Protein backbone atom coordinates (compact mmCIF):
# COMPACT_ATOMS: atom_id res chain seq x y z
CA MET A 1 -11.92 -5.00 11.77
CA VAL A 2 -9.38 -2.30 11.00
CA PHE A 3 -6.54 -0.89 13.06
CA SER A 4 -8.30 2.46 13.56
CA SER A 5 -11.50 0.93 14.93
CA ALA A 6 -12.39 1.07 18.59
CA ILE A 7 -12.80 -2.71 18.85
CA PHE A 8 -9.25 -3.23 17.60
CA LEU A 9 -7.62 -0.45 19.61
CA PHE A 10 -9.31 -1.17 22.93
CA ALA A 11 -10.11 -4.88 22.75
CA PHE A 12 -8.25 -7.00 20.20
CA MET A 13 -4.84 -5.33 20.36
CA PRO A 14 -4.48 -5.08 24.18
CA LEU A 15 -5.77 -8.63 24.59
CA PHE A 16 -3.44 -9.95 21.89
CA PHE A 17 -0.28 -8.40 23.30
CA GLY A 18 -1.26 -9.15 26.88
CA ILE A 19 -1.44 -12.85 26.04
CA TYR A 20 1.52 -12.74 23.64
CA TYR A 21 3.97 -11.51 26.28
CA LEU A 22 2.79 -14.22 28.67
CA THR A 23 3.06 -16.97 26.06
CA PRO A 24 6.21 -19.15 26.24
CA ALA A 25 8.72 -18.54 23.45
CA PHE A 26 8.12 -21.94 21.82
CA ALA A 27 4.39 -21.20 21.45
CA LYS A 28 4.52 -17.56 20.32
CA ASN A 29 4.39 -18.35 16.61
CA PHE A 30 1.41 -20.63 17.07
CA PHE A 31 -0.36 -17.93 19.05
CA ILE A 32 0.29 -15.34 16.32
CA PHE A 33 -0.99 -17.80 13.72
CA ALA A 34 -4.17 -18.52 15.71
CA ALA A 35 -4.85 -14.87 16.59
CA SER A 36 -4.16 -13.73 13.02
CA THR A 37 -6.53 -16.38 11.69
CA LEU A 38 -9.22 -15.01 14.01
CA PHE A 39 -8.43 -11.46 12.88
CA TYR A 40 -8.67 -12.48 9.23
CA VAL A 41 -11.94 -14.38 9.79
CA MET A 42 -13.39 -11.19 11.26
CA ALA A 43 -12.23 -9.29 8.16
CA GLY A 44 -12.77 -11.89 5.43
CA GLY A 45 -15.19 -14.49 6.77
CA TYR A 46 -15.30 -17.76 4.84
CA LEU A 47 -12.79 -16.38 2.32
CA THR A 48 -10.16 -17.10 4.98
CA LEU A 49 -10.17 -20.65 3.57
CA ILE A 50 -8.43 -19.35 0.44
CA LEU A 51 -5.58 -17.96 2.51
CA LEU A 52 -5.28 -21.10 4.62
CA LEU A 53 -5.23 -23.23 1.47
CA SER A 54 -2.59 -20.91 0.01
CA ILE A 55 -0.43 -21.41 3.11
CA ALA A 56 -0.58 -25.21 2.88
CA LEU A 57 -0.06 -25.18 -0.89
CA ASN A 58 2.97 -22.90 -0.86
CA TYR A 59 4.53 -24.76 2.06
CA ALA A 60 4.32 -27.98 0.05
CA ILE A 61 5.46 -26.42 -3.24
CA GLY A 62 8.45 -24.79 -1.55
CA HIS A 63 9.66 -28.17 -0.29
CA LEU A 64 8.94 -29.74 -3.68
CA ILE A 65 11.09 -27.14 -5.45
CA ALA A 66 13.96 -27.73 -3.01
CA ALA A 67 13.71 -31.52 -3.25
CA ARG A 68 13.46 -31.81 -7.04
CA ARG A 69 16.03 -29.41 -8.38
CA ARG A 70 16.10 -31.02 -11.84
CA HIS A 71 12.42 -30.27 -12.31
CA ALA A 72 12.28 -27.15 -10.14
CA LYS A 73 11.44 -24.65 -12.88
CA PRO A 74 8.17 -26.22 -14.07
CA ILE A 75 7.18 -26.71 -10.41
CA LEU A 76 7.89 -23.02 -9.79
CA VAL A 77 5.85 -21.97 -12.82
CA ALA A 78 2.96 -24.17 -11.71
CA GLY A 79 3.18 -22.72 -8.21
CA ILE A 80 3.08 -19.13 -9.52
CA VAL A 81 0.07 -19.94 -11.70
CA LEU A 82 -1.75 -21.55 -8.77
CA ASN A 83 -1.06 -18.48 -6.64
CA LEU A 84 -2.21 -16.03 -9.29
CA ALA A 85 -5.38 -17.97 -10.16
CA PRO A 86 -7.47 -16.85 -7.12
CA LEU A 87 -6.24 -13.27 -7.53
CA VAL A 88 -7.26 -13.19 -11.19
CA ALA A 89 -10.57 -14.94 -10.54
CA TYR A 90 -11.74 -12.77 -7.66
CA LYS A 91 -10.20 -9.42 -8.54
CA TYR A 92 -9.88 -9.28 -12.32
CA LEU A 93 -12.31 -11.70 -13.96
CA PRO A 94 -15.35 -9.38 -13.84
CA PHE A 95 -13.20 -6.54 -15.19
CA LEU A 96 -11.76 -8.70 -17.97
CA VAL A 97 -15.26 -9.78 -19.01
CA GLY A 98 -16.35 -6.15 -19.02
CA ALA A 99 -13.26 -5.12 -21.00
CA ALA A 100 -14.02 -7.82 -23.57
CA GLY A 101 -17.54 -6.42 -23.87
CA ASP A 102 -16.17 -2.89 -24.33
CA ALA A 103 -13.78 -4.07 -27.03
CA ALA A 104 -16.58 -5.92 -28.82
CA HIS A 105 -18.75 -2.80 -28.64
CA LEU A 106 -15.99 -0.71 -30.25
CA ALA A 107 -15.77 -3.31 -33.03
CA GLY A 108 -19.50 -3.07 -33.63
CA TRP A 109 -20.38 -6.39 -32.03
CA MET A 110 -22.71 -7.13 -29.18
CA LEU A 111 -21.34 -9.28 -26.40
CA PRO A 112 -24.20 -9.75 -23.91
CA VAL A 113 -22.02 -11.04 -21.11
CA HIS A 114 -21.85 -9.34 -17.74
CA LEU A 115 -20.25 -10.62 -14.58
CA ALA A 116 -21.04 -8.92 -11.30
CA PRO A 117 -17.97 -8.05 -9.18
CA PHE A 118 -17.06 -10.63 -6.56
CA VAL A 119 -16.33 -9.97 -2.91
CA ILE A 120 -12.54 -9.70 -2.99
CA PRO A 121 -10.71 -11.55 -0.18
CA ALA A 122 -9.06 -8.98 2.08
CA GLY A 123 -5.35 -8.61 1.44
CA ILE A 124 -5.26 -11.07 -1.48
CA SER A 125 -2.92 -8.86 -3.52
CA PHE A 126 -0.45 -8.71 -0.64
CA TYR A 127 -0.39 -12.37 0.39
CA THR A 128 -0.20 -13.44 -3.25
CA PHE A 129 2.96 -11.38 -3.64
CA HIS A 130 4.32 -12.89 -0.41
CA SER A 131 3.74 -16.37 -1.81
CA VAL A 132 5.27 -15.70 -5.23
CA SER A 133 8.38 -14.10 -3.75
CA TYR A 134 8.79 -17.04 -1.36
CA LEU A 135 8.66 -19.64 -4.13
CA VAL A 136 11.01 -17.66 -6.39
CA ASP A 137 13.52 -17.17 -3.56
CA VAL A 138 13.40 -20.89 -2.73
CA TYR A 139 13.98 -21.67 -6.42
CA LYS A 140 16.95 -19.27 -6.53
CA ARG A 141 18.25 -20.76 -3.25
CA LYS A 142 18.08 -17.42 -1.48
CA VAL A 143 16.10 -19.02 1.32
CA VAL A 144 15.64 -22.51 2.69
CA PRO A 145 12.04 -23.76 2.80
CA SER A 146 10.47 -23.46 6.23
CA ASN A 147 10.47 -26.73 8.17
CA SER A 148 7.43 -25.75 10.19
CA LEU A 149 3.98 -25.28 8.69
CA ILE A 150 3.00 -23.18 11.71
CA ASP A 151 6.04 -20.90 11.33
CA PHE A 152 5.41 -20.48 7.60
CA GLY A 153 1.71 -19.95 8.20
CA MET A 154 2.51 -17.34 10.83
CA TYR A 155 4.68 -15.46 8.30
CA MET A 156 1.90 -15.54 5.71
CA ILE A 157 -1.03 -14.61 7.92
CA CYS A 158 0.63 -12.32 10.50
CA PHE A 159 -2.14 -9.74 10.90
CA PRO A 160 -0.16 -6.43 11.15
CA GLN A 161 1.07 -6.54 7.54
CA LEU A 162 -1.43 -8.97 5.98
CA ILE A 163 -4.16 -6.60 4.80
CA ALA A 164 -2.22 -3.65 3.36
CA GLY A 165 1.49 -4.31 3.67
CA PRO A 166 4.29 -3.55 3.79
CA ILE A 167 5.17 -6.45 1.50
CA VAL A 168 7.48 -8.48 3.74
CA ARG A 169 9.55 -11.10 1.96
CA TYR A 170 10.29 -14.34 3.76
CA ALA A 171 14.03 -13.72 3.36
CA GLU A 172 13.70 -10.46 5.32
CA VAL A 173 12.28 -12.10 8.45
CA ALA A 174 13.40 -15.75 8.19
CA ALA A 175 16.08 -15.30 10.85
CA GLN A 176 13.58 -13.67 13.23
CA ILE A 177 10.89 -16.35 12.97
CA PRO A 178 12.42 -19.06 15.23
CA ASP A 179 13.49 -16.76 18.04
CA ARG A 180 12.62 -13.14 18.85
CA PRO A 181 13.75 -11.86 22.24
CA ILE A 182 11.44 -9.37 23.94
CA VAL A 183 13.29 -6.08 24.40
CA VAL A 184 11.65 -3.28 26.39
CA GLU A 185 13.17 -0.53 24.23
CA GLN A 186 11.86 -2.24 21.10
CA ILE A 187 8.38 -2.53 22.60
CA TYR A 188 8.38 1.18 23.39
CA SER A 189 9.66 1.99 19.90
CA GLY A 190 6.84 -0.12 18.46
CA ILE A 191 4.18 1.59 20.61
CA ARG A 192 5.47 5.01 19.59
CA ARG A 193 5.50 4.06 15.91
CA PHE A 194 1.96 2.66 16.20
CA ILE A 195 0.63 5.83 17.82
CA LEU A 196 2.29 8.01 15.17
CA GLY A 197 0.69 5.89 12.46
CA LEU A 198 -2.71 6.05 14.15
CA SER A 199 -2.40 9.83 14.40
CA LYS A 200 -1.50 10.11 10.73
CA LYS A 201 -4.60 8.14 9.81
CA ILE A 202 -7.20 9.60 12.19
CA ILE A 203 -6.04 13.18 12.74
CA ILE A 204 -4.76 14.06 9.26
CA ALA A 205 -5.80 11.52 6.61
CA ASP A 206 -9.44 11.16 7.65
CA THR A 207 -9.84 14.93 8.12
CA VAL A 208 -8.41 16.05 4.77
CA GLY A 209 -10.02 13.00 3.19
CA ARG A 210 -13.46 14.37 3.97
CA ILE A 211 -12.61 17.46 1.94
CA ALA A 212 -11.44 15.33 -1.00
CA ASP A 213 -14.48 13.05 -0.79
CA GLN A 214 -16.91 15.96 -0.83
CA ILE A 215 -15.24 17.66 -3.78
CA PHE A 216 -14.77 14.53 -5.88
CA ALA A 217 -18.46 13.75 -5.33
CA LEU A 218 -19.48 17.03 -7.00
CA GLN A 219 -21.03 17.00 -10.46
CA SER A 220 -18.85 18.58 -13.14
CA GLY A 221 -21.22 21.54 -13.36
CA ASP A 222 -20.67 22.28 -9.67
CA LEU A 223 -16.89 21.96 -9.76
CA SER A 224 -14.77 25.07 -10.10
CA THR A 225 -11.04 25.16 -10.82
CA SER A 226 -10.18 26.28 -7.28
CA LEU A 227 -12.26 23.48 -5.78
CA ALA A 228 -10.68 20.93 -8.12
CA TRP A 229 -7.21 21.93 -6.91
CA LEU A 230 -8.33 21.86 -3.28
CA GLY A 231 -9.83 18.39 -3.80
CA ILE A 232 -6.69 16.88 -5.31
CA ALA A 233 -4.50 18.62 -2.71
CA GLY A 234 -6.63 17.00 -0.04
CA TYR A 235 -6.40 13.59 -1.66
CA THR A 236 -2.64 13.94 -2.17
CA LEU A 237 -2.26 14.38 1.58
CA GLN A 238 -4.93 11.81 2.41
CA ILE A 239 -3.45 8.90 0.50
CA TYR A 240 0.04 9.56 1.86
CA PHE A 241 -0.96 9.84 5.51
CA ASP A 242 -3.52 7.04 5.20
CA PHE A 243 -1.14 4.50 3.68
CA SER A 244 2.04 5.56 5.48
CA GLY A 245 0.00 5.65 8.68
CA TYR A 246 -1.05 2.03 8.16
CA SER A 247 2.55 1.06 7.40
CA ASP A 248 3.73 2.78 10.58
CA MET A 249 1.10 0.91 12.61
CA ALA A 250 2.10 -2.41 11.02
CA ILE A 251 5.82 -1.77 11.56
CA GLY A 252 5.12 -0.69 15.14
CA MET A 253 3.16 -3.84 15.98
CA GLY A 254 5.85 -5.89 14.27
CA ARG A 255 8.45 -4.36 16.58
CA MET A 256 6.25 -5.11 19.58
CA MET A 257 6.32 -8.78 18.47
CA GLY A 258 10.09 -8.70 17.91
CA PHE A 259 10.06 -8.37 14.11
CA SER A 260 11.83 -5.75 12.00
CA PHE A 261 9.54 -5.12 9.05
CA PRO A 262 10.99 -3.12 6.13
CA GLU A 263 10.23 0.57 5.81
CA ASN A 264 7.62 1.49 3.23
CA PHE A 265 7.80 5.30 2.90
CA ASP A 266 10.54 7.91 2.98
CA GLN A 267 8.91 11.33 2.58
CA PRO A 268 8.01 10.71 -1.09
CA TYR A 269 6.64 14.21 -1.71
CA ARG A 270 10.14 15.61 -1.26
CA SER A 271 11.26 13.76 -4.40
CA LYS A 272 12.86 15.79 -7.19
CA ASN A 273 11.88 13.41 -9.99
CA ILE A 274 9.55 10.47 -10.58
CA THR A 275 12.38 7.93 -10.34
CA GLU A 276 13.17 9.19 -6.85
CA PHE A 277 9.46 9.23 -6.00
CA TRP A 278 9.22 5.48 -6.65
CA ARG A 279 12.27 4.91 -4.45
CA ARG A 280 10.43 6.63 -1.62
CA TRP A 281 6.75 5.64 -2.18
CA HIS A 282 5.50 2.16 -1.26
CA MET A 283 9.11 1.02 -1.35
CA THR A 284 8.39 -2.66 -0.72
CA LEU A 285 6.10 -2.79 -3.76
CA SER A 286 8.64 -0.97 -5.94
CA ARG A 287 11.39 -3.40 -4.93
CA TRP A 288 9.07 -6.37 -5.49
CA PHE A 289 8.30 -5.34 -9.06
CA ARG A 290 11.97 -4.55 -9.66
CA ASP A 291 13.23 -7.94 -8.44
CA TYR A 292 10.43 -10.24 -9.64
CA VAL A 293 9.24 -8.54 -12.85
CA TYR A 294 11.58 -5.82 -14.17
CA ILE A 295 14.87 -7.71 -13.80
CA PRO A 296 13.48 -11.06 -15.08
CA LEU A 297 12.18 -9.17 -18.15
CA GLY A 298 15.73 -8.04 -18.81
CA GLY A 299 15.78 -4.78 -16.86
CA ASN A 300 18.03 -2.30 -18.62
CA GLN A 301 20.43 -4.93 -19.96
CA LEU A 302 18.78 -5.58 -23.34
CA GLY A 303 19.00 -2.17 -24.96
CA VAL A 304 17.27 1.17 -24.62
CA ALA A 305 14.05 0.24 -26.43
CA ARG A 306 13.61 -2.93 -24.39
CA THR A 307 14.22 -0.96 -21.18
CA TYR A 308 11.39 1.41 -22.06
CA ILE A 309 9.06 -1.48 -22.88
CA ASN A 310 9.94 -3.16 -19.59
CA LEU A 311 9.11 0.03 -17.68
CA PHE A 312 5.72 0.26 -19.38
CA VAL A 313 4.97 -3.40 -18.64
CA VAL A 314 5.98 -3.07 -14.99
CA PHE A 315 3.88 0.02 -14.37
CA LEU A 316 0.90 -1.33 -16.28
CA LEU A 317 1.04 -4.31 -13.91
CA CYS A 318 1.58 -1.96 -10.98
CA GLY A 319 -1.57 -0.06 -11.92
CA ALA A 320 -3.52 -3.29 -12.39
CA TRP A 321 -2.30 -4.55 -9.01
CA HIS A 322 -3.97 -1.58 -7.35
CA GLY A 323 -7.36 -2.26 -8.85
CA ALA A 324 -9.35 -3.78 -11.71
CA ASN A 325 -10.36 -0.51 -13.32
CA TYR A 326 -9.27 1.45 -16.38
CA THR A 327 -8.36 4.35 -14.10
CA PHE A 328 -5.64 2.32 -12.37
CA MET A 329 -4.28 1.10 -15.71
CA VAL A 330 -4.00 4.67 -16.97
CA TRP A 331 -2.39 5.74 -13.69
CA GLY A 332 0.23 3.00 -14.05
CA LEU A 333 0.92 3.82 -17.71
CA TYR A 334 1.13 7.52 -16.81
CA HIS A 335 3.92 6.82 -14.33
CA GLY A 336 5.58 4.46 -16.80
CA LEU A 337 5.56 7.25 -19.41
CA LEU A 338 7.06 9.74 -16.95
CA LEU A 339 9.85 7.29 -16.09
CA VAL A 340 10.57 6.66 -19.77
CA ILE A 341 10.79 10.41 -20.40
CA GLU A 342 13.21 10.77 -17.49
CA ARG A 343 15.34 7.92 -18.85
CA MET A 344 15.39 9.54 -22.30
CA LEU A 345 16.45 12.89 -20.85
CA LYS A 346 19.23 11.20 -18.89
CA ASN A 347 20.43 9.03 -21.78
CA ARG A 348 20.38 11.73 -24.46
CA PHE A 349 21.13 14.92 -22.55
CA ASP A 350 22.54 13.64 -19.24
CA PHE A 351 19.81 15.65 -17.54
CA VAL A 352 18.42 14.62 -14.17
CA PRO A 353 15.82 16.95 -12.59
CA ALA A 354 17.05 18.43 -9.32
CA GLY A 355 16.51 21.42 -7.09
CA PRO A 356 13.43 23.15 -5.62
CA PHE A 357 11.75 23.69 -9.00
CA ALA A 358 12.12 19.99 -9.84
CA GLN A 359 10.59 19.08 -6.48
CA CYS A 360 7.57 21.32 -7.13
CA PHE A 361 7.16 20.03 -10.68
CA THR A 362 7.42 16.40 -9.52
CA LEU A 363 4.74 17.03 -6.90
CA LEU A 364 2.52 18.54 -9.60
CA LEU A 365 2.99 15.46 -11.81
CA VAL A 366 2.28 13.09 -8.92
CA ALA A 367 -0.83 15.01 -7.85
CA THR A 368 -2.09 15.02 -11.43
CA GLY A 369 -1.71 11.25 -11.53
CA TRP A 370 -3.65 10.89 -8.29
CA VAL A 371 -6.75 12.16 -10.15
CA PHE A 372 -6.85 8.87 -12.08
CA PHE A 373 -6.24 6.95 -8.85
CA ARG A 374 -9.12 8.67 -7.05
CA ALA A 375 -11.71 9.07 -9.82
CA ASP A 376 -14.36 6.37 -10.25
CA THR A 377 -14.19 6.31 -14.05
CA LEU A 378 -11.95 7.58 -16.83
CA SER A 379 -14.58 10.10 -17.90
CA HIS A 380 -14.72 11.40 -14.33
CA ALA A 381 -10.93 11.72 -14.25
CA VAL A 382 -10.77 13.52 -17.62
CA ALA A 383 -13.54 15.95 -16.65
CA TYR A 384 -11.83 16.64 -13.32
CA LEU A 385 -8.46 17.29 -15.01
CA LYS A 386 -10.06 19.63 -17.53
CA THR A 387 -11.49 21.66 -14.67
CA MET A 388 -8.18 21.62 -12.80
CA PHE A 389 -6.29 23.03 -15.76
CA HIS A 390 -9.14 25.28 -16.91
CA ILE A 391 -9.54 23.53 -20.26
CA GLY A 392 -12.77 24.04 -22.19
CA THR A 393 -16.01 24.73 -20.38
CA HIS A 394 -16.08 24.20 -16.64
CA GLY A 395 -18.56 24.49 -13.86
CA SER A 396 -18.93 26.93 -11.06
CA SER A 397 -19.95 26.53 -7.47
CA MET A 398 -21.84 28.72 -5.07
CA PHE A 399 -19.48 27.44 -2.38
CA GLY A 400 -15.81 28.34 -2.54
CA PRO A 401 -12.83 26.59 -0.89
CA ALA A 402 -13.57 28.36 2.41
CA PHE A 403 -16.80 26.35 2.71
CA TYR A 404 -14.80 23.11 2.85
CA LEU A 405 -11.80 24.47 4.73
CA THR A 406 -13.45 25.03 8.08
CA PRO A 407 -11.06 26.26 10.81
CA ASP A 408 -10.49 22.80 12.32
CA LYS A 409 -9.91 21.19 8.93
CA CYS A 410 -7.65 24.04 7.91
CA VAL A 411 -5.43 23.40 10.93
CA PHE A 412 -5.05 19.70 10.11
CA PHE A 413 -4.59 20.48 6.40
CA VAL A 414 -1.70 22.82 7.18
CA ALA A 415 -0.24 20.33 9.67
CA GLY A 416 -0.40 17.59 7.04
CA ALA A 417 1.33 19.77 4.47
CA PHE A 418 4.05 20.65 6.97
CA PHE A 419 4.78 17.06 8.01
CA ALA A 420 4.64 15.81 4.41
CA PHE A 421 7.11 18.34 3.04
CA ALA A 422 9.33 19.41 5.95
CA PRO A 423 12.96 18.22 5.66
CA PHE A 424 12.96 15.53 8.33
CA GLU A 425 15.68 13.40 6.71
CA LYS A 426 18.10 14.10 9.57
CA PHE A 427 15.51 13.41 12.25
CA ARG A 428 14.16 9.99 11.34
CA THR A 429 12.11 7.89 13.76
CA ARG A 430 14.47 6.15 16.12
CA THR A 431 14.74 2.39 15.96
CA GLY A 432 14.29 -0.13 18.74
CA ARG A 433 18.01 0.12 19.58
CA SER A 434 17.56 3.71 20.79
CA ALA A 435 17.39 4.78 24.38
CA GLY A 436 14.17 4.75 26.32
CA ALA A 437 11.40 7.30 26.35
CA THR A 438 11.79 10.88 27.47
CA LEU A 439 9.07 12.60 29.44
CA LEU A 440 8.31 14.92 26.51
CA GLU A 441 7.92 11.96 24.13
CA VAL A 442 5.55 10.22 26.52
CA ILE A 443 3.44 13.37 26.84
CA VAL A 444 3.32 13.89 23.07
CA MET A 445 2.36 10.25 22.47
CA MET A 446 -0.39 10.41 25.10
CA VAL A 447 -1.78 13.62 23.58
CA LEU A 448 -1.81 12.09 20.10
CA LEU A 449 -3.44 8.90 21.36
CA ILE A 450 -6.14 10.79 23.28
CA GLN A 451 -6.81 13.09 20.33
CA SER A 452 -7.07 10.11 17.97
CA ALA A 453 -9.42 8.27 20.33
CA ALA A 454 -11.58 11.36 20.75
CA MET A 455 -11.86 11.81 16.96
CA ILE A 456 -12.77 8.13 16.52
CA ALA A 457 -15.48 8.50 19.15
CA ALA A 458 -16.80 11.69 17.53
CA ASN A 459 -16.46 10.88 13.83
CA GLY A 460 -16.07 7.11 13.59
CA PHE A 461 -13.35 5.79 11.30
CA ASN A 462 -12.84 5.29 7.58
CA PRO A 463 -11.34 2.08 6.17
CA PHE A 464 -7.75 2.37 4.99
CA ILE A 465 -7.53 3.19 1.28
CA TYR A 466 -5.25 0.24 0.56
CA PHE A 467 -7.58 -2.25 2.23
CA ARG A 468 -9.42 -2.59 -1.10
CA PHE A 469 -6.26 -3.67 -2.90
């Protein structure tokens, strides 16, 4: 069950909030825990047991770390290992076995071992990061362990942000867990944010995504340079509106429950360099890697060479976090290399890219990287990039870009480009403390909701891209 499905929009969500607002304050967390467990069972089936076991385990380990300060570090290390074990086993073990076979093949050996991919528990990458950050923060005394298993379980399994983020640290919502007053303005703000996110996903992401899917599915002999650029342009818009749309929906539902989840996107395609891009794209993931990997490795405090190594390590892990595939590893290393180059330019020449040209060049670099993110294999990505940049022999197609850019898709493509790149910094979405709705806002929200519902009825829905991570 996904947020853009009819069963969620017109059954689960109205029923959940209808009961939630009638539930007494002392029982709200239990209700969220129970409803989220049901939601997760519908998404992950029996694999829900892994998450429930993780909740109980981390609740106990958190108290153990706080109670035994003299032996807290080995307990923390053991807790991190226990949290990472299911993630490695389900998500990476088949890939690691395959990589070992590939390495043996390159060395001239035969390693007849093959492990079929497992069914990956939904959201395992996200709730693993929640768990690790919780234990580390308890160890560093940034937070006090939760005294209620239900409250802690509610934080871990809360369905809006469980499957695809944003990555919400316990410290960011700890004060809101015991008591969250229901404020009408905040409920409206949450509904508006949810509808905007739904519109991003259904109206723009799914529409331009069909263009990208069709073009990336072409054989290399049928792919022309113009189509290759159209395909990656479509995917560049798709992944932004798909993921930021999900984040908006999660943040909106959080507000409707009384939570203030952290923002996850800040118009990343307006960035003027890759460093700025990672301050605007998937911001909760960037901060997580900064605080729990980059800084513990030494950050930029151990010399220039060590800083560059740390950046490569962080972004290799960032790529691996997104998926057990060589393409994601290369994508992560690609961004690590770009960040190292920017650091070198700043350190040696005091040069920081800025201005309109830098913004266009940064967008080109980001879009080029998305080829690795979208392609199924490295060979597919390399062939696609060669066609994009007209290197070597390339294919041709009897259908040009106009075949894929039908009038309706062209409208949504242009709308997506406008909303992705327009300078909206001074007109950010209002928070729950803002005044109530205006008539124009209500009309716009109703139009977007009706249009989204009509497109779901006509075309169905596609799973969110980040659901597989």
